[in-house]
C-alpha cells in the first residue's frame, strides 16, 4: 500500500465484474512484437465477461471511453521505466527495444500508435464506473519512485493495480495472467489470486525460477 490515505480500503466483490482488455501483440511504435499477448487476452476472455481489443483496436480512445460497466481493466503491451532500465536488466532487451526506449524519461505503457505516460493517467476517468482492478501486464509498471506507473494509477483513482517490478518475459507473463484471472473468480481477495498464480508457476515445469514470477505485485488495496 502506498499509504492508507491513498488507499480505497472498503471491500467490494468483483466476481461479477466485466473486463475491458487491451492487448498489443504486433510490433508497434518501433517496439518488437510480443506474440503471447494474443493468447493471454484470449484466455482471460474465456473466463470473464467483457470486451477485448487487440492491436490496431487497442487505442487510447478505447481506454478513455469505457462505454460499458467495466470495473476491471487489463492492458497487455510493452511498458517500461527508461530512466531505470538503462542501468538495470538491460541485457535482456533486444537492440530494437533499447532504441525505442531511448529518450523516454517517465514510466509508460504503449497503446496502439501512442505511449500512455504516467503524467497522462490523471486525465483518464477511472471513476465512471470505478475501476476496482487495473492489470498492467507489462515490464516495470510498478517500478520507480512512488511505485511508478502503478502508483500513478492509484493516485488517479484506481483501487488496486497489478504491476511488475522488473523486465518480465512474455511467455511466463501470459501463463501467470491466465492463472491469476482463473483464481480471481474464487479467491477471497485479489492478492491471494496473485499468490496462487505465482505458486502455479513455482510448481510447474517451465517457469519455476523467481525471474518468471517474483516481479509481480499488487499495489493499493490487496482486496
C-alpha atoms as a PDB file:
ATOM      1  CA  UNK A   1       0.000   0.000   0.000  1.00  0.00           C
ATOM      2  CA  UNK A   2       1.397   3.449  -0.856  1.00  0.00           C
ATOM      3  CA  UNK A   3      -0.388   4.725   2.296  1.00  0.00           C
ATOM      4  CA  UNK A   4      -3.771   4.421   3.933  1.00  0.00           C
ATOM      5  CA  UNK A   5      -4.659   7.960   2.876  1.00  0.00           C
ATOM      6  CA  UNK A   6      -4.243   6.901  -0.769  1.00  0.00           C
ATOM      7  CA  UNK A   7      -5.915   3.514  -0.425  1.00  0.00           C
ATOM      8  CA  UNK A   8      -9.559   2.816  -1.189  1.00  0.00           C
ATOM      9  CA  UNK A   9      -9.961   0.229   1.558  1.00  0.00           C
ATOM     10  CA  UNK A  10     -13.644  -0.919   1.584  1.00  0.00           C
ATOM     11  CA  UNK A  11     -14.039  -4.456   0.243  1.00  0.00           C
ATOM     12  CA  UNK A  12     -16.189  -4.967  -2.823  1.00  0.00           C
ATOM     13  CA  UNK A  13     -16.652  -8.252  -4.657  1.00  0.00           C
ATOM     14  CA  UNK A  14     -15.547  -8.209  -8.304  1.00  0.00           C
ATOM     15  CA  UNK A  15     -16.635 -11.731  -9.173  1.00  0.00           C
ATOM     16  CA  UNK A  16     -19.423 -10.463 -11.449  1.00  0.00           C
ATOM     17  CA  UNK A  17     -17.424  -7.576 -12.916  1.00  0.00           C
ATOM     18  CA  UNK A  18     -16.690  -7.182 -16.608  1.00  0.00           C
ATOM     19  CA  UNK A  19     -13.206  -6.931 -18.086  1.00  0.00           C
ATOM     20  CA  UNK A  20     -12.010  -4.406 -20.632  1.00  0.00           C
ATOM     21  CA  UNK A  21      -8.882  -5.932 -22.171  1.00  0.00           C
ATOM     22  CA  UNK A  22      -6.453  -4.099 -24.441  1.00  0.00           C
ATOM     23  CA  UNK A  23      -3.638  -6.135 -25.953  1.00  0.00           C
ATOM     24  CA  UNK A  24      -0.881  -5.407 -28.446  1.00  0.00           C
ATOM     25  CA  UNK A  25       0.982  -8.370 -29.875  1.00  0.00           C
ATOM     26  CA  UNK A  26       2.236  -6.806 -33.108  1.00  0.00           C
ATOM     27  CA  UNK A  27       5.214  -4.520 -33.481  1.00  0.00           C
ATOM     28  CA  UNK A  28       4.142  -1.010 -32.501  1.00  0.00           C
ATOM     29  CA  UNK A  29       5.931   2.344 -32.143  1.00  0.00           C
ATOM     30  CA  UNK A  30       9.223   0.707 -33.156  1.00  0.00           C
ATOM     31  CA  UNK A  31       8.933  -1.898 -30.369  1.00  0.00           C
ATOM     32  CA  UNK A  32       9.269  -5.618 -31.028  1.00  0.00           C
ATOM     33  CA  UNK A  33       6.179  -7.876 -31.274  1.00  0.00           C
ATOM     34  CA  UNK A  34       5.056  -9.672 -28.087  1.00  0.00           C
ATOM     35  CA  UNK A  35       3.268 -12.704 -29.530  1.00  0.00           C
ATOM     36  CA  UNK A  36       1.986 -14.307 -26.318  1.00  0.00           C
ATOM     37  CA  UNK A  37      -0.277 -11.333 -25.625  1.00  0.00           C
ATOM     38  CA  UNK A  38      -2.852 -12.730 -28.031  1.00  0.00           C
ATOM     39  CA  UNK A  39      -3.231 -15.997 -26.098  1.00  0.00           C
ATOM     40  CA  UNK A  40      -3.111 -14.107 -22.780  1.00  0.00           C
ATOM     41  CA  UNK A  41      -6.103 -11.958 -23.693  1.00  0.00           C
ATOM     42  CA  UNK A  42      -7.970 -14.896 -25.237  1.00  0.00           C
ATOM     43  CA  UNK A  43      -7.559 -16.968 -22.050  1.00  0.00           C
ATOM     44  CA  UNK A  44      -8.872 -14.124 -19.899  1.00  0.00           C
ATOM     45  CA  UNK A  45     -11.962 -13.671 -22.047  1.00  0.00           C
ATOM     46  CA  UNK A  46     -12.765 -17.383 -21.757  1.00  0.00           C
ATOM     47  CA  UNK A  47     -13.211 -16.926 -18.006  1.00  0.00           C
ATOM     48  CA  UNK A  48     -14.577 -13.379 -17.700  1.00  0.00           C
ATOM     49  CA  UNK A  49     -17.291 -11.434 -19.467  1.00  0.00           C
ATOM     50  CA  UNK A  50     -16.329  -8.209 -21.155  1.00  0.00           C
ATOM     51  CA  UNK A  51     -14.727  -6.809 -24.282  1.00  0.00           C
ATOM     52  CA  UNK A  52     -11.279  -7.271 -25.794  1.00  0.00           C
ATOM     53  CA  UNK A  53      -9.480  -5.049 -28.286  1.00  0.00           C
ATOM     54  CA  UNK A  54      -6.324  -6.264 -29.984  1.00  0.00           C
ATOM     55  CA  UNK A  55      -3.528  -4.445 -31.811  1.00  0.00           C
ATOM     56  CA  UNK A  56      -4.886  -1.634 -34.036  1.00  0.00           C
ATOM     57  CA  UNK A  57      -8.089  -1.505 -31.962  1.00  0.00           C
ATOM     58  CA  UNK A  58      -6.241  -1.210 -28.629  1.00  0.00           C
ATOM     59  CA  UNK A  59      -6.184   2.581 -28.642  1.00  0.00           C
ATOM     60  CA  UNK A  60      -6.171   5.299 -26.011  1.00  0.00           C
ATOM     61  CA  UNK A  61      -9.708   6.253 -27.090  1.00  0.00           C
ATOM     62  CA  UNK A  62     -10.953   2.751 -26.239  1.00  0.00           C
ATOM     63  CA  UNK A  63      -9.438   3.057 -22.786  1.00  0.00           C
ATOM     64  CA  UNK A  64     -10.862   6.520 -22.205  1.00  0.00           C
ATOM     65  CA  UNK A  65     -14.384   5.659 -23.332  1.00  0.00           C
ATOM     66  CA  UNK A  66     -15.079   2.514 -21.238  1.00  0.00           C
ATOM     67  CA  UNK A  67     -18.627   2.747 -22.537  1.00  0.00           C
ATOM     68  CA  UNK A  68     -19.835  -0.271 -20.562  1.00  0.00           C
ATOM     69  CA  UNK A  69     -19.625  -1.193 -16.895  1.00  0.00           C
ATOM     70  CA  UNK A  70     -16.017  -2.388 -16.930  1.00  0.00           C
ATOM     71  CA  UNK A  71     -14.615  -2.485 -13.399  1.00  0.00           C
ATOM     72  CA  UNK A  72     -11.537  -4.492 -14.379  1.00  0.00           C
ATOM     73  CA  UNK A  73      -9.131  -3.104 -16.962  1.00  0.00           C
ATOM     74  CA  UNK A  74      -6.374  -5.314 -18.375  1.00  0.00           C
ATOM     75  CA  UNK A  75      -3.600  -3.820 -20.524  1.00  0.00           C
ATOM     76  CA  UNK A  76      -1.097  -6.241 -22.050  1.00  0.00           C
ATOM     77  CA  UNK A  77       1.596  -4.446 -24.024  1.00  0.00           C
ATOM     78  CA  UNK A  78       5.098  -3.004 -23.958  1.00  0.00           C
ATOM     79  CA  UNK A  79       5.959  -0.881 -20.945  1.00  0.00           C
ATOM     80  CA  UNK A  80       8.918   0.476 -19.120  1.00  0.00           C
ATOM     81  CA  UNK A  81      10.674   2.971 -16.947  1.00  0.00           C
ATOM     82  CA  UNK A  82      13.524   4.083 -19.157  1.00  0.00           C
ATOM     83  CA  UNK A  83      15.421   6.057 -16.589  1.00  0.00           C
ATOM     84  CA  UNK A  84      15.924   2.862 -14.596  1.00  0.00           C
ATOM     85  CA  UNK A  85      16.077   0.323 -17.416  1.00  0.00           C
ATOM     86  CA  UNK A  86      19.217   1.884 -18.832  1.00  0.00           C
ATOM     87  CA  UNK A  87      21.019   0.891 -15.636  1.00  0.00           C
ATOM     88  CA  UNK A  88      19.492  -2.478 -14.785  1.00  0.00           C
ATOM     89  CA  UNK A  89      18.253  -5.535 -16.640  1.00  0.00           C
ATOM     90  CA  UNK A  90      19.082  -4.007 -19.985  1.00  0.00           C
ATOM     91  CA  UNK A  91      20.824  -7.132 -21.222  1.00  0.00           C
ATOM     92  CA  UNK A  92      17.509  -8.957 -21.759  1.00  0.00           C
ATOM     93  CA  UNK A  93      16.148  -6.255 -24.068  1.00  0.00           C
ATOM     94  CA  UNK A  94      16.532  -6.542 -27.816  1.00  0.00           C
ATOM     95  CA  UNK A  95      18.540  -3.854 -29.560  1.00  0.00           C
ATOM     96  CA  UNK A  96      15.331  -2.713 -31.247  1.00  0.00           C
ATOM     97  CA  UNK A  97      13.582  -2.216 -27.912  1.00  0.00           C
ATOM     98  CA  UNK A  98      16.578  -0.439 -26.409  1.00  0.00           C
ATOM     99  CA  UNK A  99      16.448   2.067 -29.257  1.00  0.00           C
ATOM    100  CA  UNK A 100      12.679   2.512 -28.886  1.00  0.00           C
ATOM    101  CA  UNK A 101      13.089   3.265 -25.176  1.00  0.00           C
ATOM    102  CA  UNK A 102      15.680   5.967 -25.727  1.00  0.00           C
ATOM    103  CA  UNK A 103      14.502   9.417 -24.753  1.00  0.00           C
ATOM    104  CA  UNK A 104      11.564   8.330 -22.566  1.00  0.00           C
ATOM    105  CA  UNK A 105      12.011   9.986 -19.186  1.00  0.00           C
ATOM    106  CA  UNK A 106       8.888   8.810 -17.347  1.00  0.00           C
ATOM    107  CA  UNK A 107       7.091   5.459 -16.902  1.00  0.00           C
ATOM    108  CA  UNK A 108       4.864   4.444 -19.813  1.00  0.00           C
ATOM    109  CA  UNK A 109       2.869   1.724 -21.484  1.00  0.00           C
ATOM    110  CA  UNK A 110       2.341   1.543 -25.223  1.00  0.00           C
ATOM    111  CA  UNK A 111      -1.144   1.649 -26.686  1.00  0.00           C
ATOM    112  CA  UNK A 112      -1.614   1.479 -30.436  1.00  0.00           C
ATOM    113  CA  UNK A 113       0.148   4.430 -32.007  1.00  0.00           C
ATOM    114  CA  UNK A 114       0.895   6.261 -28.760  1.00  0.00           C
ATOM    115  CA  UNK A 115       2.578   5.983 -25.380  1.00  0.00           C
ATOM    116  CA  UNK A 116       0.426   6.430 -22.295  1.00  0.00           C
ATOM    117  CA  UNK A 117       2.753   8.089 -19.793  1.00  0.00           C
ATOM    118  CA  UNK A 118       2.337   8.492 -16.063  1.00  0.00           C
ATOM    119  CA  UNK A 119       1.627  12.216 -16.399  1.00  0.00           C
ATOM    120  CA  UNK A 120      -1.413  11.398 -18.582  1.00  0.00           C
ATOM    121  CA  UNK A 121      -3.042   8.912 -16.198  1.00  0.00           C
ATOM    122  CA  UNK A 122      -4.895  11.551 -14.200  1.00  0.00           C
ATOM    123  CA  UNK A 123      -6.594  12.721 -17.401  1.00  0.00           C
ATOM    124  CA  UNK A 124      -8.407   9.393 -17.699  1.00  0.00           C
ATOM    125  CA  UNK A 125     -11.737   8.945 -15.925  1.00  0.00           C
ATOM    126  CA  UNK A 126     -11.192   5.973 -13.609  1.00  0.00           C
ATOM    127  CA  UNK A 127     -14.377   6.720 -11.628  1.00  0.00           C
ATOM    128  CA  UNK A 128     -17.263   6.233 -14.087  1.00  0.00           C
ATOM    129  CA  UNK A 129     -17.586   3.412 -13.265  1.00  0.00           C
ATOM    130  CA  UNK A 130     -14.919   2.996 -10.560  1.00  0.00           C
ATOM    131  CA  UNK A 131     -12.045   0.734 -11.625  1.00  0.00           C
ATOM    132  CA  UNK A 132     -11.636  -1.919  -8.945  1.00  0.00           C
ATOM    133  CA  UNK A 133      -8.627  -3.547 -10.601  1.00  0.00           C
ATOM    134  CA  UNK A 134      -6.155  -2.369 -13.227  1.00  0.00           C
ATOM    135  CA  UNK A 135      -3.751  -5.012 -14.512  1.00  0.00           C
ATOM    136  CA  UNK A 136      -0.653  -3.617 -16.207  1.00  0.00           C
ATOM    137  CA  UNK A 137       0.694  -6.758 -17.847  1.00  0.00           C
ATOM    138  CA  UNK A 138       3.979  -5.283 -18.939  1.00  0.00           C
ATOM    139  CA  UNK A 139       7.543  -4.581 -17.842  1.00  0.00           C
ATOM    140  CA  UNK A 140       8.402  -2.348 -14.888  1.00  0.00           C
ATOM    141  CA  UNK A 141       4.905  -0.940 -14.335  1.00  0.00           C
ATOM    142  CA  UNK A 142       5.352  -0.900 -10.540  1.00  0.00           C
ATOM    143  CA  UNK A 143       8.989   0.151 -10.577  1.00  0.00           C
ATOM    144  CA  UNK A 144      10.363   3.518  -9.581  1.00  0.00           C
ATOM    145  CA  UNK A 145       9.623   6.386  -7.256  1.00  0.00           C
ATOM    146  CA  UNK A 146       6.169   6.112  -5.654  1.00  0.00           C
ATOM    147  CA  UNK A 147       5.616   2.719  -7.363  1.00  0.00           C
ATOM    148  CA  UNK A 148       5.983   4.049 -10.885  1.00  0.00           C
ATOM    149  CA  UNK A 149       3.061   3.804 -13.281  1.00  0.00           C
ATOM    150  CA  UNK A 150       1.046   1.636 -10.886  1.00  0.00           C
ATOM    151  CA  UNK A 151       1.407   4.217  -8.129  1.00  0.00           C
ATOM    152  CA  UNK A 152       0.244   6.936 -10.505  1.00  0.00           C
ATOM    153  CA  UNK A 153      -2.843   4.856 -11.291  1.00  0.00           C
ATOM    154  CA  UNK A 154      -3.612   4.536  -7.570  1.00  0.00           C
ATOM    155  CA  UNK A 155      -3.321   8.283  -7.091  1.00  0.00           C
ATOM    156  CA  UNK A 156      -5.577   8.764 -10.133  1.00  0.00           C
ATOM    157  CA  UNK A 157      -8.400   6.778  -8.565  1.00  0.00           C
ATOM    158  CA  UNK A 158      -7.829   3.069  -9.310  1.00  0.00           C
ATOM    159  CA  UNK A 159      -8.429   0.851  -6.268  1.00  0.00           C
ATOM    160  CA  UNK A 160      -5.919  -1.948  -6.960  1.00  0.00           C
ATOM    161  CA  UNK A 161      -3.156  -2.314  -9.543  1.00  0.00           C
ATOM    162  CA  UNK A 162      -1.297  -5.474 -10.502  1.00  0.00           C
ATOM    163  CA  UNK A 163       2.088  -4.331 -11.769  1.00  0.00           C
ATOM    164  CA  UNK A 164       5.635  -5.583 -12.247  1.00  0.00           C
ATOM    165  CA  UNK A 165       8.919  -4.590 -10.650  1.00  0.00           C
ATOM    166  CA  UNK A 166      11.215  -5.786 -13.414  1.00  0.00           C
ATOM    167  CA  UNK A 167      11.550  -6.829 -17.034  1.00  0.00           C
ATOM    168  CA  UNK A 168       9.121  -9.744 -17.388  1.00  0.00           C
ATOM    169  CA  UNK A 169       9.206 -12.459 -20.085  1.00  0.00           C
ATOM    170  CA  UNK A 170       6.286 -12.669 -22.493  1.00  0.00           C
ATOM    171  CA  UNK A 171       5.525 -16.399 -22.242  1.00  0.00           C
ATOM    172  CA  UNK A 172       5.658 -16.658 -18.446  1.00  0.00           C
ATOM    173  CA  UNK A 173       3.588 -13.480 -18.052  1.00  0.00           C
ATOM    174  CA  UNK A 174       0.838 -14.880 -20.269  1.00  0.00           C
ATOM    175  CA  UNK A 175       0.729 -18.054 -18.177  1.00  0.00           C
ATOM    176  CA  UNK A 176       0.693 -16.142 -14.883  1.00  0.00           C
ATOM    177  CA  UNK A 177      -2.091 -13.832 -16.045  1.00  0.00           C
ATOM    178  CA  UNK A 178      -4.215 -16.750 -17.177  1.00  0.00           C
ATOM    179  CA  UNK A 179      -3.826 -18.370 -13.756  1.00  0.00           C
ATOM    180  CA  UNK A 180      -4.473 -15.075 -11.961  1.00  0.00           C
ATOM    181  CA  UNK A 181      -7.813 -14.481 -13.668  1.00  0.00           C
ATOM    182  CA  UNK A 182      -8.891 -18.062 -13.143  1.00  0.00           C
ATOM    183  CA  UNK A 183      -8.104 -17.762  -9.423  1.00  0.00           C
ATOM    184  CA  UNK A 184      -9.720 -14.338  -9.198  1.00  0.00           C
ATOM    185  CA  UNK A 185     -13.146 -15.969  -9.564  1.00  0.00           C
ATOM    186  CA  UNK A 186     -12.747 -17.899  -6.309  1.00  0.00           C
ATOM    187  CA  UNK A 187     -10.008 -16.261  -4.229  1.00  0.00           C
ATOM    188  CA  UNK A 188     -11.213 -14.222  -1.236  1.00  0.00           C
ATOM    189  CA  UNK A 189      -9.017 -11.235  -2.192  1.00  0.00           C
ATOM    190  CA  UNK A 190      -7.023 -10.108  -5.243  1.00  0.00           C
ATOM    191  CA  UNK A 191      -3.638 -10.566  -3.562  1.00  0.00           C
ATOM    192  CA  UNK A 192      -4.464 -14.213  -2.871  1.00  0.00           C
ATOM    193  CA  UNK A 193      -5.352 -14.748  -6.540  1.00  0.00           C
ATOM    194  CA  UNK A 194      -1.894 -13.428  -7.448  1.00  0.00           C
ATOM    195  CA  UNK A 195      -0.200 -15.621  -4.835  1.00  0.00           C
ATOM    196  CA  UNK A 196      -1.943 -18.711  -6.193  1.00  0.00           C
ATOM    197  CA  UNK A 197      -0.904 -17.786  -9.736  1.00  0.00           C
ATOM    198  CA  UNK A 198       2.721 -17.419  -8.641  1.00  0.00           C
ATOM    199  CA  UNK A 199       2.546 -20.798  -6.907  1.00  0.00           C
ATOM    200  CA  UNK A 200       1.292 -22.333 -10.150  1.00  0.00           C
ATOM    201  CA  UNK A 201       4.478 -21.165 -11.866  1.00  0.00           C
ATOM    202  CA  UNK A 202       6.672 -22.371  -8.979  1.00  0.00           C
ATOM    203  CA  UNK A 203       5.059 -25.807  -9.046  1.00  0.00           C
ATOM    204  CA  UNK A 204       5.069 -26.123 -12.836  1.00  0.00           C
ATOM    205  CA  UNK A 205       7.757 -27.355 -15.179  1.00  0.00           C
ATOM    206  CA  UNK A 206       8.868 -24.331 -17.170  1.00  0.00           C
ATOM    207  CA  UNK A 207       8.702 -21.191 -15.027  1.00  0.00           C
ATOM    208  CA  UNK A 208       9.926 -22.137 -11.558  1.00  0.00           C
ATOM    209  CA  UNK A 209      12.730 -19.590 -11.240  1.00  0.00           C
ATOM    210  CA  UNK A 210      11.858 -16.315  -9.448  1.00  0.00           C
ATOM    211  CA  UNK A 211      12.824 -14.486 -12.640  1.00  0.00           C
ATOM    212  CA  UNK A 212       9.492 -15.577 -14.124  1.00  0.00           C
ATOM    213  CA  UNK A 213       7.065 -14.782 -11.286  1.00  0.00           C
ATOM    214  CA  UNK A 214       8.622 -12.764  -8.449  1.00  0.00           C
ATOM    215  CA  UNK A 215       8.405  -9.382 -10.165  1.00  0.00           C
ATOM    216  CA  UNK A 216       4.600  -9.153  -9.975  1.00  0.00           C
ATOM    217  CA  UNK A 217       2.959  -7.358  -7.061  1.00  0.00           C
ATOM    218  CA  UNK A 218      -0.423  -5.969  -6.016  1.00  0.00           C
ATOM    219  CA  UNK A 219      -0.312  -2.243  -5.277  1.00  0.00           C
ATOM    220  CA  UNK A 220      -3.066  -0.356  -3.494  1.00  0.00           C
ATOM    221  CA  UNK A 221      -5.840  -2.355  -1.878  1.00  0.00           C
ATOM    222  CA  UNK A 222      -4.982  -6.080  -1.654  1.00  0.00           C
ATOM    223  CA  UNK A 223      -8.684  -6.893  -1.516  1.00  0.00           C
END
